[in-house]
Amino acid sequence: MKKLIPFLLIGAAVFSFTVLAGAQTTITPYDAKPGEVDKIIKKMAENEDEFRRALTEYVFTRKAKIETVGLGGQITGTYRRDSFMTFNQDGKRFERILYAPVSTVKDIRITPEDIDDLGGINPFAIKPTDIDLYNFTLLGKEKIDELNLFVFEVAPKVMPDPKKSDLRLFQGRIWVDDIDLMIVKSRGKAVPEGKNKQGIDQRFPVVETWRTSVDNKYYFPVYSSADDELVFGNGTVTRMKMLVRYSDYAQGRTSVKVLDDDQPVDENQPPPLPKTKP
């Protein structure tokens, strides 16, 4: 069967722990007090719920790009979709597309519905209502920039069957601020992988997401990226890169200037560093 990967799921099967293990780490041991981990997870989940609710009141810009990569690093296909996420007259979320040239990607399928899920597993990792479906293992603490962070390994307690369920969960790591107990970074992917109910063989890359403080109250996503090889059940391998930027957060409605298709967009801006606590 032809390889088809809904981009909605590209953010996130059995998770490749070797990918994380191979990365440089400065995690130090932390001896948690009895009941402390449960309190951290509970407060973190409350913050996640608050952030998701707050985001429904904000407009923002989202720029997404996916590339497939061939031998020697040659780009074989590109998908671009830059959008302004605003509201219609009824107050419902509305995506105004700013820039969307014809896709040249052939090995994977990407749909508008898939892009909409960039508010889910990719940037926010864990849905608050699904907290009880996960096991959280405290690995220790790590200092990044000016933040002291708890580092948790996260995995589903029971892996969903892709042939029977549409449920997608997160598997990977999260970094939680040790004062305000807010997720400021996540690195992982969606699970499960394999053929779904429609017979589509789904494989998902590891995605890393950074957040930043908005209005000194919320930690919203600013940058998600992936560079991974997807190994399908028939043995074929596709390397893909993903870059998504979220910016210009503002409460309420605002105006926007629609870009011409040939207006250049700066792709060379480096990833933002973590912000200090409000």
Protein backbone atom coordinates (compact mmCIF):
# COMPACT_ATOMS: atom_id res chain seq x y z
CA MET A 1 0.00 0.00 0.00
CA LYS A 2 1.20 3.50 -0.79
CA LYS A 3 2.68 5.33 2.18
CA LEU A 4 0.25 7.90 3.58
CA ILE A 5 0.95 9.93 6.73
CA PRO A 6 -1.66 12.41 7.98
CA PHE A 7 0.36 15.44 9.07
CA LEU A 8 -1.89 15.84 12.04
CA LEU A 9 -0.11 12.80 13.39
CA ILE A 10 3.32 14.00 12.35
CA GLY A 11 4.00 15.55 15.66
CA ALA A 12 4.28 13.11 17.36
CA ALA A 13 5.07 5.05 18.47
CA VAL A 14 6.85 2.46 19.90
CA PHE A 15 8.98 5.51 20.98
CA SER A 16 12.65 5.40 20.09
CA PHE A 17 14.31 5.84 23.45
CA THR A 18 17.70 5.48 21.79
CA VAL A 19 17.10 8.80 20.05
CA LEU A 20 16.72 10.53 23.38
CA ALA A 21 19.45 8.56 25.05
CA GLY A 22 21.91 9.55 22.34
CA ALA A 23 21.33 13.26 22.89
CA GLN A 24 23.51 15.24 25.25
CA THR A 25 21.93 15.66 28.65
CA THR A 26 22.73 17.43 31.88
CA ILE A 27 20.02 15.77 33.96
CA THR A 28 20.97 15.43 37.61
CA PRO A 29 19.32 13.06 40.10
CA TYR A 30 16.50 14.41 42.25
CA ASP A 31 15.19 12.68 45.36
CA ALA A 32 11.48 13.48 45.37
CA LYS A 33 9.62 13.52 48.65
CA PRO A 34 6.71 11.07 49.15
CA GLY A 35 3.74 12.24 47.13
CA GLU A 36 5.71 15.06 45.48
CA VAL A 37 5.58 13.60 41.96
CA ASP A 38 1.79 13.21 42.14
CA LYS A 39 1.46 16.84 43.23
CA ILE A 40 3.70 18.02 40.38
CA ILE A 41 1.71 16.07 37.78
CA LYS A 42 -1.62 17.29 39.19
CA LYS A 43 -0.59 20.95 39.09
CA MET A 44 1.03 20.56 35.67
CA ALA A 45 -2.22 19.09 34.31
CA GLU A 46 -4.20 22.00 35.76
CA ASN A 47 -1.86 24.46 34.07
CA GLU A 48 -2.13 22.59 30.76
CA ASP A 49 -5.91 22.79 30.93
CA GLU A 50 -5.75 26.51 31.69
CA PHE A 51 -3.33 27.16 28.81
CA ARG A 52 -5.46 25.29 26.29
CA ARG A 53 -8.54 27.21 27.35
CA ALA A 54 -6.67 30.52 27.22
CA LEU A 55 -5.34 29.82 23.74
CA THR A 56 -8.92 29.80 22.41
CA GLU A 57 -9.00 33.53 23.22
CA TYR A 58 -5.78 34.37 21.36
CA VAL A 59 -5.00 35.06 17.73
CA PHE A 60 -1.59 34.01 16.45
CA THR A 61 0.46 33.25 13.35
CA ARG A 62 1.48 29.70 12.49
CA LYS A 63 4.04 28.87 9.80
CA ALA A 64 4.46 25.20 8.96
CA LYS A 65 6.88 23.52 6.58
CA ILE A 66 7.46 19.84 5.86
CA GLU A 67 10.24 18.52 3.64
CA THR A 68 11.08 15.04 2.45
CA VAL A 69 14.80 14.36 2.13
CA GLY A 70 16.55 12.06 -0.33
CA LEU A 71 20.06 10.68 -0.63
CA GLY A 72 22.80 13.15 0.09
CA GLY A 73 20.41 15.44 1.91
CA GLN A 74 18.63 16.57 -1.24
CA ILE A 75 15.15 17.99 -0.63
CA THR A 76 12.70 15.93 -2.68
CA GLY A 77 9.47 17.67 -1.73
CA THR A 78 8.21 20.67 0.23
CA TYR A 79 4.89 21.52 1.83
CA ARG A 80 4.25 25.05 3.15
CA ARG A 81 1.26 26.48 4.96
CA ASP A 82 1.43 29.83 6.72
CA SER A 83 -1.74 30.84 8.53
CA PHE A 84 -3.20 33.50 10.77
CA MET A 85 -5.34 31.83 13.42
CA THR A 86 -8.13 34.28 14.19
CA PHE A 87 -11.91 34.24 14.79
CA ASN A 88 -14.92 34.61 12.54
CA GLN A 89 -17.90 36.86 13.28
CA ASP A 90 -19.44 34.11 15.42
CA GLY A 91 -16.34 33.98 17.62
CA LYS A 92 -15.22 30.56 16.35
CA ARG A 93 -11.61 29.76 15.51
CA PHE A 94 -10.86 30.54 11.87
CA GLU A 95 -7.69 29.85 9.87
CA ARG A 96 -6.80 32.54 7.36
CA ILE A 97 -4.21 31.13 4.97
CA LEU A 98 -1.45 33.62 4.22
CA TYR A 99 0.89 31.55 2.07
CA ALA A 100 0.33 28.07 0.64
CA PRO A 101 2.18 27.25 -2.58
CA VAL A 102 1.46 23.98 -4.38
CA SER A 103 2.94 21.09 -2.45
CA THR A 104 5.72 19.09 -4.11
CA VAL A 105 5.64 16.32 -1.48
CA LYS A 106 4.85 12.94 -3.00
CA ASP A 107 5.79 10.32 -0.40
CA ILE A 108 3.39 11.46 2.32
CA ARG A 109 -0.13 12.86 2.34
CA ILE A 110 -0.88 16.12 4.14
CA THR A 111 -4.39 17.50 4.63
CA PRO A 112 -5.80 20.74 6.09
CA GLU A 113 -7.41 18.69 8.86
CA ASP A 114 -3.97 17.37 9.76
CA ILE A 115 -2.56 20.87 10.05
CA ASP A 116 -5.36 21.81 12.44
CA ASP A 117 -4.06 19.28 14.94
CA LEU A 118 -0.90 21.31 15.45
CA GLY A 119 -2.70 22.56 18.55
CA GLY A 120 -2.68 19.01 19.91
CA ILE A 121 0.06 16.41 20.26
CA ASN A 122 2.81 18.48 18.62
CA PRO A 123 2.96 21.63 20.73
CA PHE A 124 1.00 20.67 23.85
CA ALA A 125 2.02 17.00 24.08
CA ILE A 126 -0.40 15.81 26.76
CA LYS A 127 -4.13 16.40 26.85
CA PRO A 128 -5.12 17.17 30.47
CA THR A 129 -8.14 14.86 30.37
CA ASP A 130 -5.82 11.98 29.39
CA ILE A 131 -3.41 12.34 32.34
CA ASP A 132 -4.63 9.11 33.95
CA LEU A 133 -3.72 7.19 30.78
CA TYR A 134 0.00 7.83 31.31
CA ASN A 135 2.87 6.66 33.46
CA PHE A 136 5.22 9.46 34.56
CA THR A 137 8.78 8.64 35.61
CA LEU A 138 10.85 11.43 37.16
CA LEU A 139 14.34 11.24 35.68
CA GLY A 140 15.78 14.17 37.62
CA LYS A 141 16.29 17.90 37.07
CA GLU A 142 17.99 19.88 34.33
CA LYS A 143 18.90 23.58 34.08
CA ILE A 144 18.28 25.21 30.71
CA ASP A 145 19.02 28.89 30.33
CA GLU A 146 17.67 30.40 33.58
CA LEU A 147 15.09 27.66 34.20
CA ASN A 148 15.37 24.75 36.60
CA LEU A 149 13.26 21.94 35.19
CA PHE A 150 11.91 18.59 36.28
CA VAL A 151 12.43 15.99 33.53
CA PHE A 152 9.81 13.26 33.15
CA GLU A 153 9.69 10.20 30.92
CA VAL A 154 6.10 9.80 29.72
CA ALA A 155 4.49 6.68 28.25
CA PRO A 156 0.93 5.34 27.88
CA LYS A 157 -0.12 2.81 30.51
CA VAL A 158 -1.82 0.81 27.76
CA MET A 159 -0.93 1.23 24.10
CA PRO A 160 -4.06 1.83 21.97
CA ASP A 161 -4.73 -0.53 19.08
CA PRO A 162 -4.58 1.60 15.90
CA LYS A 163 -6.91 -0.82 14.12
CA LYS A 164 -9.63 -0.34 16.73
CA SER A 165 -9.13 3.14 18.16
CA ASP A 166 -8.50 6.68 16.87
CA LEU A 167 -6.95 7.64 20.21
CA ARG A 168 -3.45 9.08 19.90
CA LEU A 169 -1.23 9.59 22.91
CA PHE A 170 2.18 11.09 23.56
CA GLN A 171 5.34 9.15 24.33
CA GLY A 172 8.62 10.84 25.15
CA ARG A 173 9.85 13.43 27.64
CA ILE A 174 8.55 16.66 29.12
CA TRP A 175 10.45 19.42 30.94
CA VAL A 176 8.45 21.09 33.74
CA ASP A 177 9.42 24.35 35.46
CA ASP A 178 10.14 23.56 39.11
CA ILE A 179 8.46 26.71 40.47
CA ASP A 180 5.32 27.28 38.41
CA LEU A 181 5.03 23.61 37.31
CA MET A 182 4.43 24.43 33.64
CA ILE A 183 5.71 22.44 30.68
CA VAL A 184 8.30 24.53 28.83
CA LYS A 185 9.66 21.82 26.52
CA SER A 186 8.58 18.46 25.15
CA ARG A 187 10.26 15.90 22.95
CA GLY A 188 8.38 12.87 21.73
CA LYS A 189 5.90 11.49 19.26
CA ALA A 190 2.36 10.26 18.84
CA VAL A 191 1.47 6.63 19.44
CA PRO A 192 0.39 4.10 18.33
CA GLU A 193 1.98 3.49 14.95
CA GLY A 194 1.03 0.87 12.37
CA LYS A 195 -1.97 0.42 10.11
CA ASN A 196 -5.08 2.23 11.23
CA LYS A 197 -8.73 1.33 10.67
CA GLN A 198 -8.47 2.60 7.09
CA GLY A 199 -5.42 0.42 6.42
CA ILE A 200 -3.03 3.40 6.26
CA ASP A 201 0.44 2.60 7.58
CA GLN A 202 1.27 5.49 9.91
CA ARG A 203 4.74 6.40 11.16
CA PHE A 204 5.54 9.50 13.17
CA PRO A 205 8.78 11.42 13.78
CA VAL A 206 10.14 12.64 17.10
CA VAL A 207 9.13 16.29 17.53
CA GLU A 208 10.73 18.79 19.88
CA THR A 209 8.69 21.80 21.01
CA TRP A 210 9.69 24.88 22.97
CA ARG A 211 7.28 27.25 24.69
CA THR A 212 7.60 30.83 25.88
CA SER A 213 5.81 33.11 28.32
CA VAL A 214 2.93 35.10 26.84
CA ASP A 215 1.44 38.04 28.75
CA ASN A 216 3.35 36.88 31.83
CA LYS A 217 0.65 34.27 32.42
CA TYR A 218 0.72 31.46 29.87
CA TYR A 219 3.36 29.25 28.30
CA PHE A 220 2.42 28.89 24.63
CA PRO A 221 4.33 27.02 21.88
CA VAL A 222 6.75 29.03 19.76
CA TYR A 223 8.77 26.41 17.90
CA SER A 224 8.34 22.75 16.90
CA SER A 225 10.84 20.82 14.81
CA ALA A 226 11.59 17.30 13.64
CA ASP A 227 14.26 15.57 11.57
CA ASP A 228 13.64 11.85 11.57
CA GLU A 229 13.53 8.70 9.45
CA LEU A 230 10.17 6.97 9.19
CA VAL A 231 10.46 3.21 8.72
CA PHE A 232 7.31 1.66 7.27
CA GLY A 233 6.00 -1.85 7.62
CA ASN A 234 7.00 -2.76 4.07
CA GLY A 235 10.62 -1.84 4.81
CA THR A 236 10.74 1.49 2.98
CA VAL A 237 12.30 4.46 4.72
CA THR A 238 11.38 8.14 4.33
CA ARG A 239 13.35 10.92 5.95
CA MET A 240 11.32 14.02 6.71
CA LYS A 241 11.93 17.38 8.31
CA MET A 242 9.31 19.56 9.95
CA LEU A 243 9.45 23.14 11.19
CA VAL A 244 6.51 24.98 12.74
CA ARG A 245 6.71 28.47 14.21
CA TYR A 246 4.01 30.10 16.34
CA SER A 247 4.21 33.86 16.84
CA ASP A 248 2.37 37.17 17.27
CA TYR A 249 0.12 35.98 20.08
CA ALA A 250 -2.53 38.58 20.95
CA GLN A 251 -5.87 38.47 22.73
CA GLY A 252 -9.06 39.03 20.74
CA ARG A 253 -9.57 39.90 17.11
CA THR A 254 -7.17 41.86 14.97
CA SER A 255 -6.49 42.65 11.35
CA VAL A 256 -3.98 40.85 9.15
CA LYS A 257 -2.24 41.57 5.88
CA VAL A 258 -2.37 38.64 3.47
CA LEU A 259 1.00 37.86 1.95
CA ASP A 260 1.52 37.50 -1.75
CA ASP A 261 2.66 34.03 -2.73
CA ASP A 262 6.04 35.34 -3.84
CA GLN A 263 6.73 37.42 -0.72
CA PRO A 264 9.91 36.08 0.87
CA VAL A 265 9.81 34.58 4.34
CA ASP A 266 12.90 34.49 6.55
CA GLU A 267 13.75 30.83 7.16
CA ASN A 268 17.13 31.44 8.79
CA GLN A 269 16.05 32.80 12.15
CA PRO A 270 17.49 30.51 14.84
CA PRO A 271 15.22 28.69 17.30
CA PRO A 272 14.20 30.85 20.27
CA LEU A 273 15.84 30.15 23.60
CA PRO A 274 13.67 29.32 26.61
CA LYS A 275 12.36 32.40 28.35
CA THR A 276 12.77 33.13 32.04
CA LYS A 277 9.82 32.69 34.35
CA PRO A 278 7.31 35.55 34.49
